[in-house]
Amino acid sequence: MNSSLRTSIHAVRAVFCAFTGIGKRQDLERHISALRPQHVIIAGLLCAAGFVFGVITLVSVIAK
């Protein structure tokens, strides 16, 4: 696995853990020290968009 893909996966994992509140503090500190802010911001925006899309989809399915 190449370095940029691995970094992207770590960023998405860190943001997902932060969104859900799961994970250990040591893991969070390790992710923060290893990731660049750009990766975390992009992953956060993508995860937030996915969350909003999921909520809208869930509400529209339930409302039918």
PDB file of N, CA and C in Angstrom:
ATOM      1  N   MET A   1       0.858  -1.171   0.000  1.00  0.00           N
ATOM      2  CA  MET A   1       0.000   0.000   0.000  1.00  0.00           C
ATOM      3  C   MET A   1       0.904   1.234   0.000  1.00  0.00           C
ATOM      4  N   ASN A   2       0.609   2.190  -0.856  1.00  0.00           N
ATOM      5  CA  ASN A   2       1.492   3.353  -0.919  1.00  0.00           C
ATOM      6  C   ASN A   2       1.213   4.326   0.228  1.00  0.00           C
ATOM      7  N   SER A   3       2.118   5.243   0.425  1.00  0.00           N
ATOM      8  CA  SER A   3       2.098   6.132   1.591  1.00  0.00           C
ATOM      9  C   SER A   3       0.903   7.074   1.603  1.00  0.00           C
ATOM     10  N   SER A   4       0.543   7.645   0.453  1.00  0.00           N
ATOM     11  CA  SER A   4      -0.566   8.604   0.432  1.00  0.00           C
ATOM     12  C   SER A   4      -1.904   7.921   0.716  1.00  0.00           C
ATOM     13  N   LEU A   5      -2.077   6.701   0.221  1.00  0.00           N
ATOM     14  CA  LEU A   5      -3.312   5.966   0.505  1.00  0.00           C
ATOM     15  C   LEU A   5      -3.386   5.604   1.982  1.00  0.00           C
ATOM     16  N   ARG A   6      -2.267   5.203   2.534  1.00  0.00           N
ATOM     17  CA  ARG A   6      -2.223   4.855   3.960  1.00  0.00           C
ATOM     18  C   ARG A   6      -2.535   6.074   4.816  1.00  0.00           C
ATOM     19  N   THR A   7      -1.990   7.226   4.449  1.00  0.00           N
ATOM     20  CA  THR A   7      -2.250   8.458   5.184  1.00  0.00           C
ATOM     21  C   THR A   7      -3.722   8.840   5.098  1.00  0.00           C
ATOM     22  N   SER A   8      -4.318   8.679   3.927  1.00  0.00           N
ATOM     23  CA  SER A   8      -5.738   8.991   3.751  1.00  0.00           C
ATOM     24  C   SER A   8      -6.604   8.084   4.609  1.00  0.00           C
ATOM     25  N   ILE A   9      -6.265   6.809   4.649  1.00  0.00           N
ATOM     26  CA  ILE A   9      -7.033   5.864   5.461  1.00  0.00           C
ATOM     27  C   ILE A   9      -6.905   6.213   6.943  1.00  0.00           C
ATOM     28  N   HIS A  10      -5.711   6.570   7.384  1.00  0.00           N
ATOM     29  CA  HIS A  10      -5.516   6.962   8.783  1.00  0.00           C
ATOM     30  C   HIS A  10      -6.306   8.224   9.106  1.00  0.00           C
ATOM     31  N   ALA A  11      -6.359   9.172   8.179  1.00  0.00           N
ATOM     32  CA  ALA A  11      -7.112  10.408   8.409  1.00  0.00           C
ATOM     33  C   ALA A  11      -8.598  10.117   8.525  1.00  0.00           C
ATOM     34  N   VAL A  12      -9.130   9.295   7.639  1.00  0.00           N
ATOM     35  CA  VAL A  12     -10.555   8.949   7.685  1.00  0.00           C
ATOM     36  C   VAL A  12     -10.868   8.199   8.973  1.00  0.00           C
ATOM     37  N   ARG A  13      -9.980   7.299   9.359  1.00  0.00           N
ATOM     38  CA  ARG A  13     -10.196   6.540  10.590  1.00  0.00           C
ATOM     39  C   ARG A  13     -10.182   7.460  11.809  1.00  0.00           C
ATOM     40  N   ALA A  14      -9.256   8.400  11.848  1.00  0.00           N
ATOM     41  CA  ALA A  14      -9.175   9.335  12.973  1.00  0.00           C
ATOM     42  C   ALA A  14     -10.426  10.198  13.060  1.00  0.00           C
ATOM     43  N   VAL A  15     -10.892  10.684  11.919  1.00  0.00           N
ATOM     44  CA  VAL A  15     -12.093  11.527  11.909  1.00  0.00           C
ATOM     45  C   VAL A  15     -13.321  10.708  12.289  1.00  0.00           C
ATOM     46  N   PHE A  16     -13.421   9.485  11.789  1.00  0.00           N
ATOM     47  CA  PHE A  16     -14.556   8.626  12.132  1.00  0.00           C
ATOM     48  C   PHE A  16     -14.590   8.353  13.633  1.00  0.00           C
ATOM     49  N   CYS A  17     -13.432   8.055  14.201  1.00  0.00           N
ATOM     50  CA  CYS A  17     -13.363   7.810  15.645  1.00  0.00           C
ATOM     51  C   CYS A  17     -13.753   9.063  16.429  1.00  0.00           C
ATOM     52  N   ALA A  18     -13.354  10.218  15.940  1.00  0.00           N
ATOM     53  CA  ALA A  18     -13.720  11.472  16.609  1.00  0.00           C
ATOM     54  C   ALA A  18     -15.223  11.736  16.492  1.00  0.00           C
ATOM     55  N   PHE A  19     -15.814  11.440  15.336  1.00  0.00           N
ATOM     56  CA  PHE A  19     -17.256  11.624  15.154  1.00  0.00           C
ATOM     57  C   PHE A  19     -18.052  10.728  16.084  1.00  0.00           C
ATOM     58  N   THR A  20     -17.649   9.475  16.187  1.00  0.00           N
ATOM     59  CA  THR A  20     -18.422   8.505  16.949  1.00  0.00           C
ATOM     60  C   THR A  20     -18.043   8.455  18.422  1.00  0.00           C
ATOM     61  N   GLY A  21     -16.881   8.987  18.761  1.00  0.00           N
ATOM     62  CA  GLY A  21     -16.453   8.981  20.152  1.00  0.00           C
ATOM     63  C   GLY A  21     -15.829   7.672  20.590  1.00  0.00           C
ATOM     64  N   ILE A  22     -15.473   6.828  19.642  1.00  0.00           N
ATOM     65  CA  ILE A  22     -14.833   5.572  19.999  1.00  0.00           C
ATOM     66  C   ILE A  22     -13.329   5.696  19.786  1.00  0.00           C
ATOM     67  N   GLY A  23     -12.598   4.843  20.396  1.00  0.00           N
ATOM     68  CA  GLY A  23     -11.151   4.852  20.252  1.00  0.00           C
ATOM     69  C   GLY A  23     -10.470   5.297  21.524  1.00  0.00           C
ATOM     70  N   LYS A  24      -9.220   4.972  21.607  1.00  0.00           N
ATOM     71  CA  LYS A  24      -8.441   5.308  22.795  1.00  0.00           C
ATOM     72  C   LYS A  24      -7.755   6.657  22.619  1.00  0.00           C
ATOM     73  N   ARG A  25      -7.482   7.307  23.714  1.00  0.00           N
ATOM     74  CA  ARG A  25      -6.812   8.596  23.675  1.00  0.00           C
ATOM     75  C   ARG A  25      -5.416   8.474  23.074  1.00  0.00           C
ATOM     76  N   GLN A  26      -4.736   7.378  23.368  1.00  0.00           N
ATOM     77  CA  GLN A  26      -3.405   7.160  22.799  1.00  0.00           C
ATOM     78  C   GLN A  26      -3.466   7.098  21.281  1.00  0.00           C
ATOM     79  N   ASP A  27      -4.496   6.431  20.742  1.00  0.00           N
ATOM     80  CA  ASP A  27      -4.646   6.358  19.287  1.00  0.00           C
ATOM     81  C   ASP A  27      -4.886   7.736  18.694  1.00  0.00           C
ATOM     82  N   LEU A  28      -5.702   8.542  19.368  1.00  0.00           N
ATOM     83  CA  LEU A  28      -5.980   9.897  18.886  1.00  0.00           C
ATOM     84  C   LEU A  28      -4.699  10.733  18.859  1.00  0.00           C
ATOM     85  N   GLU A  29      -3.929  10.653  19.923  1.00  0.00           N
ATOM     86  CA  GLU A  29      -2.677  11.409  19.970  1.00  0.00           C
ATOM     87  C   GLU A  29      -1.694  10.935  18.902  1.00  0.00           C
ATOM     88  N   ARG A  30      -1.671   9.633  18.648  1.00  0.00           N
ATOM     89  CA  ARG A  30      -0.782   9.095  17.619  1.00  0.00           C
ATOM     90  C   ARG A  30      -1.231   9.561  16.240  1.00  0.00           C
ATOM     91  N   HIS A  31      -2.547   9.568  16.000  1.00  0.00           N
ATOM     92  CA  HIS A  31      -3.060  10.035  14.708  1.00  0.00           C
ATOM     93  C   HIS A  31      -2.752  11.511  14.500  1.00  0.00           C
ATOM     94  N   ILE A  32      -2.953  12.294  15.538  1.00  0.00           N
ATOM     95  CA  ILE A  32      -2.731  13.735  15.421  1.00  0.00           C
ATOM     96  C   ILE A  32      -1.269  14.031  15.110  1.00  0.00           C
ATOM     97  N   SER A  33      -0.379  13.309  15.745  1.00  0.00           N
ATOM     98  CA  SER A  33       1.041  13.582  15.519  1.00  0.00           C
ATOM     99  C   SER A  33       1.508  13.103  14.149  1.00  0.00           C
ATOM    100  N   ALA A  34       0.824  12.136  13.564  1.00  0.00           N
ATOM    101  CA  ALA A  34       1.268  11.562  12.291  1.00  0.00           C
ATOM    102  C   ALA A  34       0.600  12.198  11.074  1.00  0.00           C
ATOM    103  N   LEU A  35      -0.513  12.905  11.267  1.00  0.00           N
ATOM    104  CA  LEU A  35      -1.279  13.416  10.127  1.00  0.00           C
ATOM    105  C   LEU A  35      -1.066  14.917   9.951  1.00  0.00           C
ATOM    106  N   ARG A  36      -1.167  15.338   8.713  1.00  0.00           N
ATOM    107  CA  ARG A  36      -1.105  16.769   8.414  1.00  0.00           C
ATOM    108  C   ARG A  36      -2.519  17.342   8.508  1.00  0.00           C
ATOM    109  N   PRO A  37      -2.643  18.618   8.871  1.00  0.00           N
ATOM    110  CA  PRO A  37      -3.969  19.218   9.017  1.00  0.00           C
ATOM    111  C   PRO A  37      -4.821  19.135   7.745  1.00  0.00           C
ATOM    112  N   GLN A  38      -4.180  19.229   6.579  1.00  0.00           N
ATOM    113  CA  GLN A  38      -4.936  19.158   5.328  1.00  0.00           C
ATOM    114  C   GLN A  38      -5.665  17.814   5.205  1.00  0.00           C
ATOM    115  N   HIS A  39      -5.007  16.750   5.589  1.00  0.00           N
ATOM    116  CA  HIS A  39      -5.630  15.427   5.497  1.00  0.00           C
ATOM    117  C   HIS A  39      -6.834  15.323   6.428  1.00  0.00           C
ATOM    118  N   VAL A  40      -6.688  15.846   7.624  1.00  0.00           N
ATOM    119  CA  VAL A  40      -7.772  15.765   8.602  1.00  0.00           C
ATOM    120  C   VAL A  40      -8.953  16.638   8.165  1.00  0.00           C
ATOM    121  N   ILE A  41      -8.681  17.818   7.628  1.00  0.00           N
ATOM    122  CA  ILE A  41      -9.759  18.710   7.178  1.00  0.00           C
ATOM    123  C   ILE A  41     -10.530  18.085   6.025  1.00  0.00           C
ATOM    124  N   ILE A  42      -9.820  17.557   5.049  1.00  0.00           N
ATOM    125  CA  ILE A  42     -10.486  16.928   3.903  1.00  0.00           C
ATOM    126  C   ILE A  42     -11.287  15.703   4.345  1.00  0.00           C
ATOM    127  N   ALA A  43     -10.692  14.871   5.193  1.00  0.00           N
ATOM    128  CA  ALA A  43     -11.406  13.691   5.685  1.00  0.00           C
ATOM    129  C   ALA A  43     -12.631  14.102   6.499  1.00  0.00           C
ATOM    130  N   GLY A  44     -12.500  15.162   7.289  1.00  0.00           N
ATOM    131  CA  GLY A  44     -13.628  15.647   8.075  1.00  0.00           C
ATOM    132  C   GLY A  44     -14.771  16.148   7.205  1.00  0.00           C
ATOM    133  N   LEU A  45     -14.436  16.878   6.158  1.00  0.00           N
ATOM    134  CA  LEU A  45     -15.479  17.360   5.245  1.00  0.00           C
ATOM    135  C   LEU A  45     -16.174  16.209   4.532  1.00  0.00           C
ATOM    136  N   LEU A  46     -15.393  15.217   4.101  1.00  0.00           N
ATOM    137  CA  LEU A  46     -15.989  14.058   3.434  1.00  0.00           C
ATOM    138  C   LEU A  46     -16.868  13.246   4.385  1.00  0.00           C
ATOM    139  N   CYS A  47     -16.405  13.050   5.607  1.00  0.00           N
ATOM    140  CA  CYS A  47     -17.210  12.314   6.588  1.00  0.00           C
ATOM    141  C   CYS A  47     -18.476  13.083   6.962  1.00  0.00           C
ATOM    142  N   ALA A  48     -18.364  14.392   7.097  1.00  0.00           N
ATOM    143  CA  ALA A  48     -19.542  15.207   7.414  1.00  0.00           C
ATOM    144  C   ALA A  48     -20.553  15.153   6.272  1.00  0.00           C
ATOM    145  N   ALA A  49     -20.069  15.229   5.028  1.00  0.00           N
ATOM    146  CA  ALA A  49     -20.967  15.138   3.877  1.00  0.00           C
ATOM    147  C   ALA A  49     -21.638  13.769   3.827  1.00  0.00           C
ATOM    148  N   GLY A  50     -20.882  12.725   4.106  1.00  0.00           N
ATOM    149  CA  GLY A  50     -21.455  11.378   4.142  1.00  0.00           C
ATOM    150  C   GLY A  50     -22.495  11.227   5.236  1.00  0.00           C
ATOM    151  N   PHE A  51     -22.231  11.833   6.386  1.00  0.00           N
ATOM    152  CA  PHE A  51     -23.182  11.778   7.490  1.00  0.00           C
ATOM    153  C   PHE A  51     -24.477  12.502   7.133  1.00  0.00           C
ATOM    154  N   VAL A  52     -24.349  13.705   6.577  1.00  0.00           N
ATOM    155  CA  VAL A  52     -25.542  14.476   6.189  1.00  0.00           C
ATOM    156  C   VAL A  52     -26.333  13.730   5.115  1.00  0.00           C
ATOM    157  N   PHE A  53     -25.643  13.173   4.127  1.00  0.00           N
ATOM    158  CA  PHE A  53     -26.316  12.401   3.080  1.00  0.00           C
ATOM    159  C   PHE A  53     -27.039  11.203   3.683  1.00  0.00           C
ATOM    160  N   GLY A  54     -26.405  10.532   4.634  1.00  0.00           N
ATOM    161  CA  GLY A  54     -27.027   9.379   5.280  1.00  0.00           C
ATOM    162  C   GLY A  54     -28.270   9.752   6.069  1.00  0.00           C
ATOM    163  N   VAL A  55     -28.204  10.873   6.794  1.00  0.00           N
ATOM    164  CA  VAL A  55     -29.362  11.313   7.572  1.00  0.00           C
ATOM    165  C   VAL A  55     -30.507  11.710   6.644  1.00  0.00           C
ATOM    166  N   ILE A  56     -30.210  12.433   5.574  1.00  0.00           N
ATOM    167  CA  ILE A  56     -31.249  12.842   4.625  1.00  0.00           C
ATOM    168  C   ILE A  56     -31.880  11.617   3.982  1.00  0.00           C
ATOM    169  N   THR A  57     -31.067  10.652   3.602  1.00  0.00           N
ATOM    170  CA  THR A  57     -31.582   9.424   2.996  1.00  0.00           C
ATOM    171  C   THR A  57     -32.454   8.658   3.991  1.00  0.00           C
ATOM    172  N   LEU A  58     -32.011   8.541   5.225  1.00  0.00           N
ATOM    173  CA  LEU A  58     -32.778   7.829   6.244  1.00  0.00           C
ATOM    174  C   LEU A  58     -34.120   8.497   6.497  1.00  0.00           C
ATOM    175  N   VAL A  59     -34.118   9.825   6.605  1.00  0.00           N
ATOM    176  CA  VAL A  59     -35.362  10.550   6.838  1.00  0.00           C
ATOM    177  C   VAL A  59     -36.311  10.409   5.661  1.00  0.00           C
ATOM    178  N   SER A  60     -35.787  10.476   4.447  1.00  0.00           N
ATOM    179  CA  SER A  60     -36.674  10.351   3.276  1.00  0.00           C
ATOM    180  C   SER A  60     -37.248   8.936   3.169  1.00  0.00           C
ATOM    181  N   VAL A  61     -36.504   7.927   3.545  1.00  0.00           N
ATOM    182  CA  VAL A  61     -37.012   6.550   3.511  1.00  0.00           C
ATOM    183  C   VAL A  61     -38.082   6.370   4.572  1.00  0.00           C
ATOM    184  N   ILE A  62     -37.853   6.906   5.750  1.00  0.00           N
ATOM    185  CA  ILE A  62     -38.837   6.764   6.841  1.00  0.00           C
ATOM    186  C   ILE A  62     -40.095   7.579   6.545  1.00  0.00           C
ATOM    187  N   ALA A  63     -39.959   8.738   5.907  1.00  0.00           N
ATOM    188  CA  ALA A  63     -41.090   9.608   5.640  1.00  0.00           C
ATOM    189  C   ALA A  63     -42.018   9.053   4.561  1.00  0.00           C
ATOM    190  N   LYS A  64     -41.544   8.122   3.732  1.00  0.00           N
ATOM    191  CA  LYS A  64     -42.402   7.590   2.666  1.00  0.00           C
ATOM    192  C   LYS A  64     -43.467   6.685   3.173  1.00  0.00           C
TER     193      LYS A  64
END
